[in-house]
Amino acid sequence: MMARSLRSRVLWLVALSLLSVWLLLALWLHNTVKQHLGTALDQRLAASARMVASMANASAPVLSGNPGLQAAVNSGLFCQVMNVRGEILARSGGAPTAHLASAQDGFTERSLEGERWRVYTVSEGQIRVATAEPMAVRESLLSTLAWALLVGLLLALLGAWLAVRWAVSRGLAPLDAMRKEFESRPVQTKSGVASSAAGITELMPLVTALDGWADQARQALLRERRLTDDLAHELRTPLAALKTQLQVARLKMAPDAPAMMALTAAENASSRMADNLQQLLALARLDGLPQSRPRLVRKVIDESLAQLAGHPQRQAVQRDDQACAGITLAAPSLASLALRNLLENALRYTPKGKEVWIRVVANTRELHIHVEDQGPGISDNQAVVCARGHRGDRGQTGLGLAIVATVMARSGGQLTLHNRAGGGLCATLSWPLTDTA
């Protein structure tokens, strides 16, 4: 399932809310401006008509000869003066030749000479005055105001969006700080540690729940450690005693005795049981393995080989680690555990008299430790071989590779397996190189 971002979710919800409010505000402002603009233009049209009518007289003066009447017509308006019989007595420059006045006084819209007009007609005595304005002028003015309004609202919306992004980032900063605190807090640490979320009402229940979960995990880890310690104490000694007694019995028995094969099989089974027990304990303790300081790769290899001192085929291990001079590993304990398990696995399947090689390859970005044996290799894919409880071709249940895969996942590295061209298996431990490798 793809992870969803809380920050993106909040930002999208706020963005949709802002956009909805912006659209409603834009529609309301557009209608309001349109209404008020139309009213203001109509008032100008009516005022011009009344002024011309009040200045006109029964002798039907010519507008061009009467500066007062000409000035009474505002810029962008057109006027006609008529008598009661409908004869045009005078008109302003640019006014249409057809009659502008309507049958009734008041506002009307008319189409004259291929153009739409907004007309106001007023009668005063023997004079009728009609003032008109092209509707195209009104629509152009309204469009200009609408674009200005739209640009202003868009700029306001952009500013609000940037402010919201900043506010959401600042508001969610305690969540990010709390995440970093819990990531860096070891599971062994008791809860109750002061958190950056302290005092934030919405985060306190989450902090309390996470602290409770961490306490449960810590208690479970302690119980698991006690169990592994008890198993180590209670089972290792009986298994060692059992193996010793079987060896003694086998030594005291004639080589051709009927029970010799059974004793040998029992001794081998006890050895496998001891090995599996050791691997199970290592796997169980892996999550609680303490981190150690970075150490040189060569020292990690030395430690792994030192742990194989009692192995009958220890001398078969050869090393070529010149390439790792001066390189350190950030998690040497984990690396040593992984390398030792790979060596044990390689020695188990390599015939006597054959060699197992440790080869180190390093470049500017990665460190690779190859463990090459001369055994039968693997017949299954890596995922199957590294699964816990996988049974090999010899019927043995191996945990070594499962331990190595778990170790590498925790240490930030990677385990890769492939069969060698000349026979055998090459197991590679890889880590990205940093300042501390």
Protein backbone atom coordinates (compact mmCIF):
# COMPACT_ATOMS: atom_id res chain seq x y z
CA MET A 1 0.00 0.00 0.00
CA MET A 2 1.43 3.38 -1.01
CA ALA A 3 2.19 5.68 1.90
CA ARG A 4 0.18 8.90 2.09
CA SER A 5 1.61 12.18 3.31
CA LEU A 6 -0.26 13.96 6.09
CA ARG A 7 1.27 17.26 4.94
CA SER A 8 0.00 16.71 1.38
CA ARG A 9 -3.42 15.70 2.69
CA VAL A 10 -3.71 18.87 4.79
CA LEU A 11 -2.44 21.04 1.95
CA TRP A 12 -4.89 19.54 -0.54
CA LEU A 13 -7.82 19.99 1.84
CA VAL A 14 -6.84 23.60 2.52
CA ALA A 15 -6.28 24.20 -1.20
CA LEU A 16 -9.75 22.87 -2.06
CA SER A 17 -11.28 24.96 0.72
CA LEU A 18 -9.45 28.09 -0.46
CA LEU A 19 -10.43 27.44 -4.07
CA SER A 20 -14.10 26.95 -3.13
CA VAL A 21 -14.14 30.16 -1.09
CA TRP A 22 -12.30 31.98 -3.87
CA LEU A 23 -14.80 30.86 -6.52
CA LEU A 24 -17.78 31.88 -4.38
CA LEU A 25 -16.13 35.22 -3.58
CA ALA A 26 -15.26 35.80 -7.25
CA LEU A 27 -18.85 35.11 -8.35
CA TRP A 28 -20.28 37.33 -5.62
CA LEU A 29 -17.88 40.18 -6.37
CA HIS A 30 -18.48 39.89 -10.12
CA ASN A 31 -22.26 40.07 -9.71
CA THR A 32 -22.00 42.89 -7.17
CA VAL A 33 -19.63 44.96 -9.32
CA LYS A 34 -21.74 44.33 -12.40
CA GLN A 35 -24.88 45.44 -10.60
CA HIS A 36 -23.34 48.54 -9.05
CA LEU A 37 -21.55 49.48 -12.26
CA GLY A 38 -24.78 49.19 -14.25
CA THR A 39 -26.58 51.35 -11.66
CA ALA A 40 -23.83 54.00 -11.73
CA LEU A 41 -23.85 54.16 -15.54
CA ASP A 42 -27.64 54.36 -15.62
CA GLN A 43 -27.56 57.22 -13.11
CA ARG A 44 -25.04 59.03 -15.30
CA LEU A 45 -27.25 58.46 -18.34
CA ALA A 46 -30.35 59.76 -16.58
CA ALA A 47 -28.57 62.76 -15.09
CA SER A 48 -27.30 63.80 -18.52
CA ALA A 49 -30.80 63.49 -20.01
CA ARG A 50 -32.44 65.59 -17.27
CA MET A 51 -29.77 68.25 -17.53
CA VAL A 52 -30.25 68.57 -21.31
CA ALA A 53 -34.02 68.63 -20.89
CA SER A 54 -33.87 71.38 -18.28
CA MET A 55 -31.64 73.52 -20.49
CA ALA A 56 -33.65 73.00 -23.69
CA ASN A 57 -36.42 75.44 -24.61
CA ALA A 58 -39.41 75.42 -26.92
CA SER A 59 -37.43 76.96 -29.78
CA ALA A 60 -35.50 73.67 -30.22
CA PRO A 61 -31.95 75.08 -29.98
CA VAL A 62 -29.20 73.49 -31.90
CA LEU A 63 -26.78 71.66 -29.60
CA SER A 64 -23.74 72.68 -31.57
CA GLY A 65 -24.73 76.32 -31.17
CA ASN A 66 -25.41 76.04 -27.45
CA PRO A 67 -22.23 75.26 -25.49
CA GLY A 68 -24.22 74.72 -22.33
CA LEU A 69 -26.28 71.93 -23.91
CA GLN A 70 -23.19 70.39 -25.53
CA ALA A 71 -21.35 70.33 -22.17
CA ALA A 72 -24.38 68.73 -20.55
CA VAL A 73 -23.73 65.54 -22.58
CA ASN A 74 -21.00 63.58 -20.79
CA SER A 75 -18.13 61.99 -22.71
CA GLY A 76 -19.15 58.68 -24.31
CA LEU A 77 -22.88 59.54 -24.28
CA PHE A 78 -25.07 60.54 -27.21
CA CYS A 79 -28.17 62.74 -27.10
CA GLN A 80 -31.23 63.58 -29.19
CA VAL A 81 -33.73 66.38 -28.52
CA MET A 82 -37.21 65.93 -30.01
CA ASN A 83 -40.56 67.65 -29.85
CA VAL A 84 -43.77 65.91 -28.85
CA ARG A 85 -44.45 65.00 -32.50
CA GLY A 86 -41.21 62.98 -32.63
CA GLU A 87 -39.29 65.39 -34.84
CA ILE A 88 -35.57 65.49 -34.03
CA LEU A 89 -34.73 69.05 -33.18
CA ALA A 90 -31.08 68.50 -32.32
CA ARG A 91 -28.57 65.75 -31.65
CA SER A 92 -25.03 65.46 -30.39
CA GLY A 93 -22.11 64.62 -32.60
CA GLY A 94 -21.90 60.91 -33.46
CA ALA A 95 -25.44 60.14 -32.34
CA PRO A 96 -27.42 57.82 -34.65
CA THR A 97 -29.83 59.39 -37.11
CA ALA A 98 -32.64 57.00 -36.13
CA HIS A 99 -34.87 57.86 -33.22
CA LEU A 100 -33.35 56.91 -29.84
CA ALA A 101 -36.35 57.76 -27.70
CA SER A 102 -38.74 55.01 -26.68
CA ALA A 103 -42.50 55.32 -26.43
CA GLN A 104 -42.36 55.52 -22.65
CA ASP A 105 -40.03 57.49 -20.43
CA GLY A 106 -37.36 55.52 -18.64
CA PHE A 107 -34.65 53.01 -19.49
CA THR A 108 -34.72 50.65 -22.43
CA GLU A 109 -32.34 48.75 -24.69
CA ARG A 110 -32.58 49.16 -28.42
CA SER A 111 -30.77 47.97 -31.53
CA LEU A 112 -30.09 50.76 -34.00
CA GLU A 113 -27.88 50.72 -37.07
CA GLY A 114 -26.45 47.32 -36.13
CA GLU A 115 -25.50 48.30 -32.59
CA ARG A 116 -27.13 47.79 -29.20
CA TRP A 117 -27.82 50.89 -27.11
CA ARG A 118 -28.83 51.62 -23.54
CA VAL A 119 -31.31 54.52 -23.77
CA TYR A 120 -32.92 56.80 -21.20
CA THR A 121 -35.88 58.91 -22.27
CA VAL A 122 -37.32 61.86 -20.33
CA SER A 123 -40.12 64.33 -21.23
CA GLU A 124 -40.24 67.90 -19.98
CA GLY A 125 -42.90 70.21 -21.34
CA GLN A 126 -42.85 70.16 -25.15
CA ILE A 127 -39.42 68.58 -25.24
CA ARG A 128 -38.37 64.92 -25.14
CA VAL A 129 -34.72 64.11 -24.56
CA ALA A 130 -33.08 60.73 -25.13
CA THR A 131 -29.52 59.96 -24.00
CA ALA A 132 -27.86 56.73 -25.09
CA GLU A 133 -24.69 54.73 -24.52
CA PRO A 134 -23.40 51.82 -26.65
CA MET A 135 -23.70 48.51 -24.80
CA ALA A 136 -20.26 47.54 -26.18
CA VAL A 137 -18.74 50.34 -24.07
CA ARG A 138 -20.43 48.99 -20.97
CA GLU A 139 -19.38 45.41 -21.68
CA SER A 140 -15.78 46.49 -22.34
CA LEU A 141 -15.68 48.38 -19.04
CA LEU A 142 -17.21 45.44 -17.21
CA SER A 143 -14.71 43.04 -18.82
CA THR A 144 -11.78 45.26 -17.78
CA LEU A 145 -13.04 45.39 -14.21
CA ALA A 146 -13.64 41.63 -14.21
CA TRP A 147 -10.06 40.91 -15.35
CA ALA A 148 -8.66 43.31 -12.76
CA LEU A 149 -10.76 41.60 -10.12
CA LEU A 150 -9.67 38.15 -11.31
CA VAL A 151 -5.96 39.04 -11.28
CA GLY A 152 -6.27 40.54 -7.81
CA LEU A 153 -8.04 37.47 -6.48
CA LEU A 154 -5.50 35.13 -8.11
CA LEU A 155 -2.63 37.03 -6.50
CA ALA A 156 -4.46 36.90 -3.18
CA LEU A 157 -5.05 33.17 -3.65
CA LEU A 158 -1.36 32.57 -4.44
CA GLY A 159 -0.32 34.56 -1.39
CA ALA A 160 -2.78 32.64 0.78
CA TRP A 161 -1.48 29.32 -0.61
CA LEU A 162 2.14 30.22 0.18
CA ALA A 163 1.13 31.35 3.65
CA VAL A 164 -0.78 28.11 4.21
CA ARG A 165 2.18 25.99 3.05
CA TRP A 166 4.45 27.80 5.47
CA ALA A 167 1.90 27.54 8.29
CA VAL A 168 1.29 23.81 7.68
CA SER A 169 5.03 23.09 7.56
CA ARG A 170 5.55 24.98 10.80
CA GLY A 171 2.50 23.36 12.36
CA LEU A 172 3.63 19.83 11.48
CA ALA A 173 7.25 20.41 12.53
CA PRO A 174 6.63 18.84 15.99
CA LEU A 175 5.49 15.63 14.26
CA ASP A 176 8.74 15.43 12.31
CA ALA A 177 10.76 16.17 15.45
CA MET A 178 8.87 13.48 17.34
CA ARG A 179 9.52 10.98 14.54
CA LYS A 180 13.25 11.68 14.68
CA GLU A 181 13.25 11.29 18.46
CA PHE A 182 11.54 7.89 18.33
CA GLU A 183 13.80 6.75 15.48
CA SER A 184 16.92 7.59 17.47
CA ARG A 185 15.59 6.23 20.76
CA PRO A 186 16.81 2.65 21.38
CA VAL A 187 14.13 0.15 22.29
CA GLN A 188 15.92 -0.48 25.58
CA THR A 189 15.34 3.14 26.68
CA LYS A 190 12.56 3.55 29.22
CA SER A 191 9.60 5.74 28.31
CA GLY A 192 8.96 9.07 29.94
CA VAL A 193 11.81 10.82 28.14
CA ALA A 194 11.04 14.49 27.51
CA SER A 195 9.74 14.97 23.98
CA SER A 196 9.52 18.02 21.73
CA ALA A 197 5.78 17.27 21.51
CA ALA A 198 5.34 17.95 25.22
CA GLY A 199 2.69 20.60 25.77
CA ILE A 200 1.01 20.08 22.38
CA THR A 201 -2.49 18.87 23.18
CA GLU A 202 -3.11 17.02 19.90
CA LEU A 203 0.18 15.11 20.05
CA MET A 204 0.21 14.09 23.70
CA PRO A 205 -2.18 11.09 23.20
CA LEU A 206 0.02 9.87 20.33
CA VAL A 207 3.18 10.26 22.42
CA THR A 208 1.53 8.41 25.30
CA ALA A 209 0.44 5.57 23.00
CA LEU A 210 3.91 5.29 21.43
CA ASP A 211 5.54 5.29 24.88
CA GLY A 212 3.18 2.51 25.92
CA TRP A 213 4.01 0.51 22.84
CA ALA A 214 7.75 1.08 23.42
CA ASP A 215 7.36 -0.17 27.02
CA GLN A 216 5.65 -3.31 25.77
CA ALA A 217 8.38 -3.85 23.16
CA ARG A 218 11.07 -3.34 25.81
CA GLN A 219 9.40 -5.81 28.18
CA ALA A 220 9.02 -8.33 25.35
CA LEU A 221 12.71 -7.91 24.49
CA LEU A 222 13.69 -8.42 28.12
CA ARG A 223 11.56 -11.57 28.32
CA GLU A 224 13.11 -12.85 25.10
CA ARG A 225 16.60 -12.21 26.40
CA ARG A 226 15.82 -14.00 29.65
CA LEU A 227 14.41 -16.90 27.64
CA THR A 228 17.49 -17.11 25.43
CA ASP A 229 19.76 -16.92 28.45
CA ASP A 230 17.81 -19.72 30.14
CA LEU A 231 17.92 -21.79 26.96
CA ALA A 232 21.63 -21.22 26.63
CA HIS A 233 22.19 -22.30 30.23
CA GLU A 234 19.76 -25.22 30.31
CA LEU A 235 20.40 -26.73 26.89
CA ARG A 236 24.06 -26.20 26.11
CA THR A 237 25.35 -28.19 29.05
CA PRO A 238 23.08 -31.25 28.49
CA LEU A 239 23.85 -31.23 24.77
CA ALA A 240 27.58 -31.05 25.43
CA ALA A 241 27.30 -33.87 27.96
CA LEU A 242 25.22 -35.93 25.54
CA LYS A 243 27.75 -35.47 22.77
CA THR A 244 30.61 -36.38 25.11
CA GLN A 245 28.88 -39.54 26.29
CA LEU A 246 28.16 -40.58 22.72
CA GLN A 247 31.80 -40.05 21.80
CA VAL A 248 32.93 -42.10 24.79
CA ALA A 249 30.48 -44.87 23.95
CA ARG A 250 31.64 -44.88 20.34
CA LEU A 251 35.29 -45.08 21.39
CA LYS A 252 34.64 -48.02 23.70
CA MET A 253 32.70 -49.91 21.06
CA ALA A 254 34.21 -52.09 18.41
CA PRO A 255 34.25 -50.48 14.95
CA ASP A 256 32.18 -53.32 13.50
CA ALA A 257 29.60 -53.32 16.30
CA PRO A 258 25.98 -53.21 15.11
CA ALA A 259 25.23 -50.09 17.17
CA MET A 260 28.22 -48.12 15.85
CA MET A 261 26.26 -46.56 13.00
CA ALA A 262 23.47 -45.56 15.35
CA LEU A 263 25.93 -43.96 17.78
CA THR A 264 27.63 -42.06 14.97
CA ALA A 265 24.28 -40.81 13.68
CA ALA A 266 23.26 -39.78 17.19
CA GLU A 267 26.55 -37.90 17.69
CA ASN A 268 26.08 -36.09 14.38
CA ALA A 269 22.51 -35.24 15.31
CA SER A 270 23.61 -33.81 18.67
CA SER A 271 26.25 -31.71 16.90
CA ARG A 272 23.65 -30.34 14.48
CA MET A 273 21.32 -29.67 17.37
CA ALA A 274 24.04 -27.70 19.19
CA ASP A 275 24.79 -25.71 16.03
CA ASN A 276 21.10 -24.98 15.41
CA LEU A 277 20.66 -23.94 19.02
CA GLN A 278 23.57 -21.53 18.75
CA GLN A 279 22.17 -20.06 15.55
CA LEU A 280 18.68 -19.73 17.02
CA LEU A 281 20.07 -17.91 20.03
CA ALA A 282 22.04 -15.58 17.79
CA LEU A 283 18.96 -14.89 15.69
CA ALA A 284 16.83 -14.22 18.76
CA ARG A 285 19.40 -11.86 20.25
CA LEU A 286 20.05 -10.02 17.03
CA ASP A 287 17.49 -7.23 17.61
CA GLY A 288 19.05 -6.48 20.95
CA LEU A 289 22.64 -6.60 19.78
CA PRO A 290 24.30 -3.40 21.03
CA GLN A 291 25.94 -1.11 18.51
CA SER A 292 29.70 -0.77 18.78
CA ARG A 293 32.15 1.81 17.56
CA PRO A 294 33.44 1.67 13.97
CA ARG A 295 36.40 -0.67 13.47
CA LEU A 296 38.73 -1.48 10.63
CA VAL A 297 37.53 -4.12 8.18
CA ARG A 298 40.68 -6.16 8.78
CA LYS A 299 39.97 -6.31 12.52
CA VAL A 300 36.43 -7.47 11.80
CA ILE A 301 37.82 -10.29 9.65
CA ASP A 302 40.36 -11.14 12.40
CA GLU A 303 37.54 -11.39 14.97
CA SER A 304 35.47 -13.64 12.72
CA LEU A 305 38.42 -15.96 12.12
CA ALA A 306 39.26 -15.99 15.84
CA GLN A 307 35.78 -17.31 16.58
CA LEU A 308 36.55 -20.27 14.27
CA ALA A 309 39.71 -21.22 16.20
CA GLY A 310 38.31 -24.58 17.26
CA HIS A 311 36.89 -25.50 13.86
CA PRO A 312 38.62 -28.56 12.34
CA GLN A 313 38.86 -26.86 8.92
CA ARG A 314 39.91 -23.42 10.16
CA GLN A 315 43.22 -23.66 8.26
CA ALA A 316 41.34 -23.94 4.98
CA VAL A 317 40.31 -20.26 5.16
CA GLN A 318 42.50 -17.95 3.09
CA ARG A 319 42.20 -14.18 2.88
CA ASP A 320 42.89 -11.44 0.38
CA ASP A 321 42.05 -8.16 2.10
CA GLN A 322 44.63 -5.72 0.79
CA ALA A 323 41.92 -3.59 -0.80
CA CYS A 324 40.34 -2.67 2.56
CA ALA A 325 43.37 -0.99 4.14
CA GLY A 326 42.20 1.93 6.27
CA ILE A 327 38.48 1.27 5.64
CA THR A 328 36.21 1.03 8.68
CA LEU A 329 32.77 -0.48 9.26
CA ALA A 330 30.10 1.43 11.19
CA ALA A 331 28.50 -1.76 12.62
CA PRO A 332 31.44 -4.12 13.22
CA SER A 333 29.59 -6.45 15.62
CA LEU A 334 26.89 -7.15 13.05
CA ALA A 335 29.44 -7.49 10.26
CA SER A 336 31.49 -9.97 12.32
CA LEU A 337 28.40 -12.06 13.08
CA ALA A 338 27.43 -12.15 9.38
CA LEU A 339 30.96 -13.03 8.21
CA ARG A 340 31.37 -15.81 10.81
CA ASN A 341 28.10 -17.44 9.75
CA LEU A 342 29.11 -17.29 6.10
CA LEU A 343 32.48 -18.88 6.92
CA GLU A 344 30.84 -21.65 8.95
CA ASN A 345 28.43 -22.32 6.11
CA ALA A 346 31.28 -22.35 3.56
CA LEU A 347 33.43 -24.72 5.67
CA ARG A 348 30.47 -27.03 6.20
CA TYR A 349 30.00 -27.62 2.48
CA THR A 350 33.62 -27.39 1.28
CA PRO A 351 35.34 -30.79 0.96
CA LYS A 352 38.40 -31.41 3.11
CA GLY A 353 41.61 -30.28 1.47
CA LYS A 354 39.83 -27.50 -0.44
CA GLU A 355 40.14 -23.80 0.37
CA VAL A 356 37.66 -21.12 1.37
CA TRP A 357 38.62 -17.59 0.34
CA ILE A 358 37.80 -14.22 1.87
CA ARG A 359 38.28 -11.55 -0.79
CA VAL A 360 37.70 -7.85 -0.17
CA VAL A 361 36.87 -5.44 -2.98
CA ALA A 362 36.34 -1.72 -2.40
CA ASN A 363 35.66 1.28 -4.60
CA THR A 364 34.67 4.87 -3.91
CA ARG A 365 31.06 3.93 -3.22
CA GLU A 366 30.84 0.36 -1.87
CA LEU A 367 32.68 -2.26 0.14
CA HIS A 368 32.30 -5.94 -0.81
CA ILE A 369 33.46 -8.94 1.21
CA HIS A 370 33.30 -12.15 -0.86
CA VAL A 371 33.30 -15.57 0.79
CA GLU A 372 34.06 -18.19 -1.89
CA ASP A 373 33.77 -21.92 -1.17
CA GLN A 374 34.15 -25.03 -3.31
CA GLY A 375 30.97 -26.76 -2.28
CA PRO A 376 27.95 -27.80 -4.38
CA GLY A 377 26.51 -24.26 -4.61
CA ILE A 378 22.79 -23.58 -4.34
CA SER A 379 19.98 -25.07 -6.40
CA ASP A 380 17.23 -22.67 -5.25
CA ASN A 381 16.99 -18.90 -5.56
CA GLN A 382 18.41 -16.64 -2.86
CA ALA A 383 15.06 -15.82 -1.23
CA VAL A 384 14.35 -19.51 -0.65
CA VAL A 385 17.85 -20.34 0.60
CA CYS A 386 17.84 -17.40 3.06
CA ALA A 387 14.43 -18.27 4.51
CA ARG A 388 14.36 -19.52 8.08
CA GLY A 389 13.99 -23.29 8.27
CA HIS A 390 15.08 -23.92 4.69
CA ARG A 391 16.13 -27.54 4.21
CA GLY A 392 19.05 -28.04 1.86
CA ASP A 393 19.75 -30.87 -0.51
CA ARG A 394 21.33 -32.80 2.35
CA GLY A 395 18.20 -32.49 4.49
CA GLN A 396 19.86 -30.07 6.89
CA THR A 397 17.93 -27.15 8.33
CA GLY A 398 20.15 -24.08 8.04
CA LEU A 399 19.79 -20.80 9.86
CA GLY A 400 23.17 -19.32 9.02
CA LEU A 401 22.10 -17.58 5.81
CA ALA A 402 18.86 -16.40 7.46
CA ILE A 403 20.95 -14.83 10.21
CA VAL A 404 23.24 -13.18 7.66
CA ALA A 405 20.30 -11.78 5.67
CA THR A 406 18.78 -10.36 8.88
CA VAL A 407 22.11 -8.89 9.96
CA MET A 408 22.72 -7.21 6.60
CA ALA A 409 19.21 -5.74 6.52
CA ARG A 410 19.78 -4.20 9.93
CA SER A 411 23.28 -2.90 9.22
CA GLY A 412 22.21 -1.18 5.98
CA GLY A 413 24.03 -3.68 3.77
CA GLN A 414 23.07 -6.42 1.36
CA LEU A 415 23.69 -10.15 0.96
CA THR A 416 23.96 -11.63 -2.54
CA LEU A 417 24.53 -15.26 -3.48
CA HIS A 418 25.55 -16.76 -6.79
CA ASN A 419 27.15 -20.00 -7.95
CA ARG A 420 30.74 -19.72 -9.13
CA ALA A 421 31.63 -20.65 -12.69
CA GLY A 422 34.24 -23.16 -11.51
CA GLY A 423 31.96 -24.69 -8.88
CA GLY A 424 31.03 -23.58 -5.38
CA LEU A 425 29.18 -20.63 -3.96
CA CYS A 426 30.18 -16.97 -3.72
CA ALA A 427 28.42 -15.10 -0.90
CA THR A 428 28.94 -11.33 -0.93
CA LEU A 429 28.45 -8.86 1.91
CA SER A 430 28.08 -5.30 0.59
CA TRP A 431 27.88 -1.96 2.40
CA PRO A 432 27.74 1.57 1.01
CA LEU A 433 30.83 3.56 1.90
CA THR A 434 30.44 6.76 3.92
CA ASP A 435 32.86 8.73 6.04
CA THR A 436 32.83 5.84 8.49
CA ALA A 437 32.00 3.16 5.86
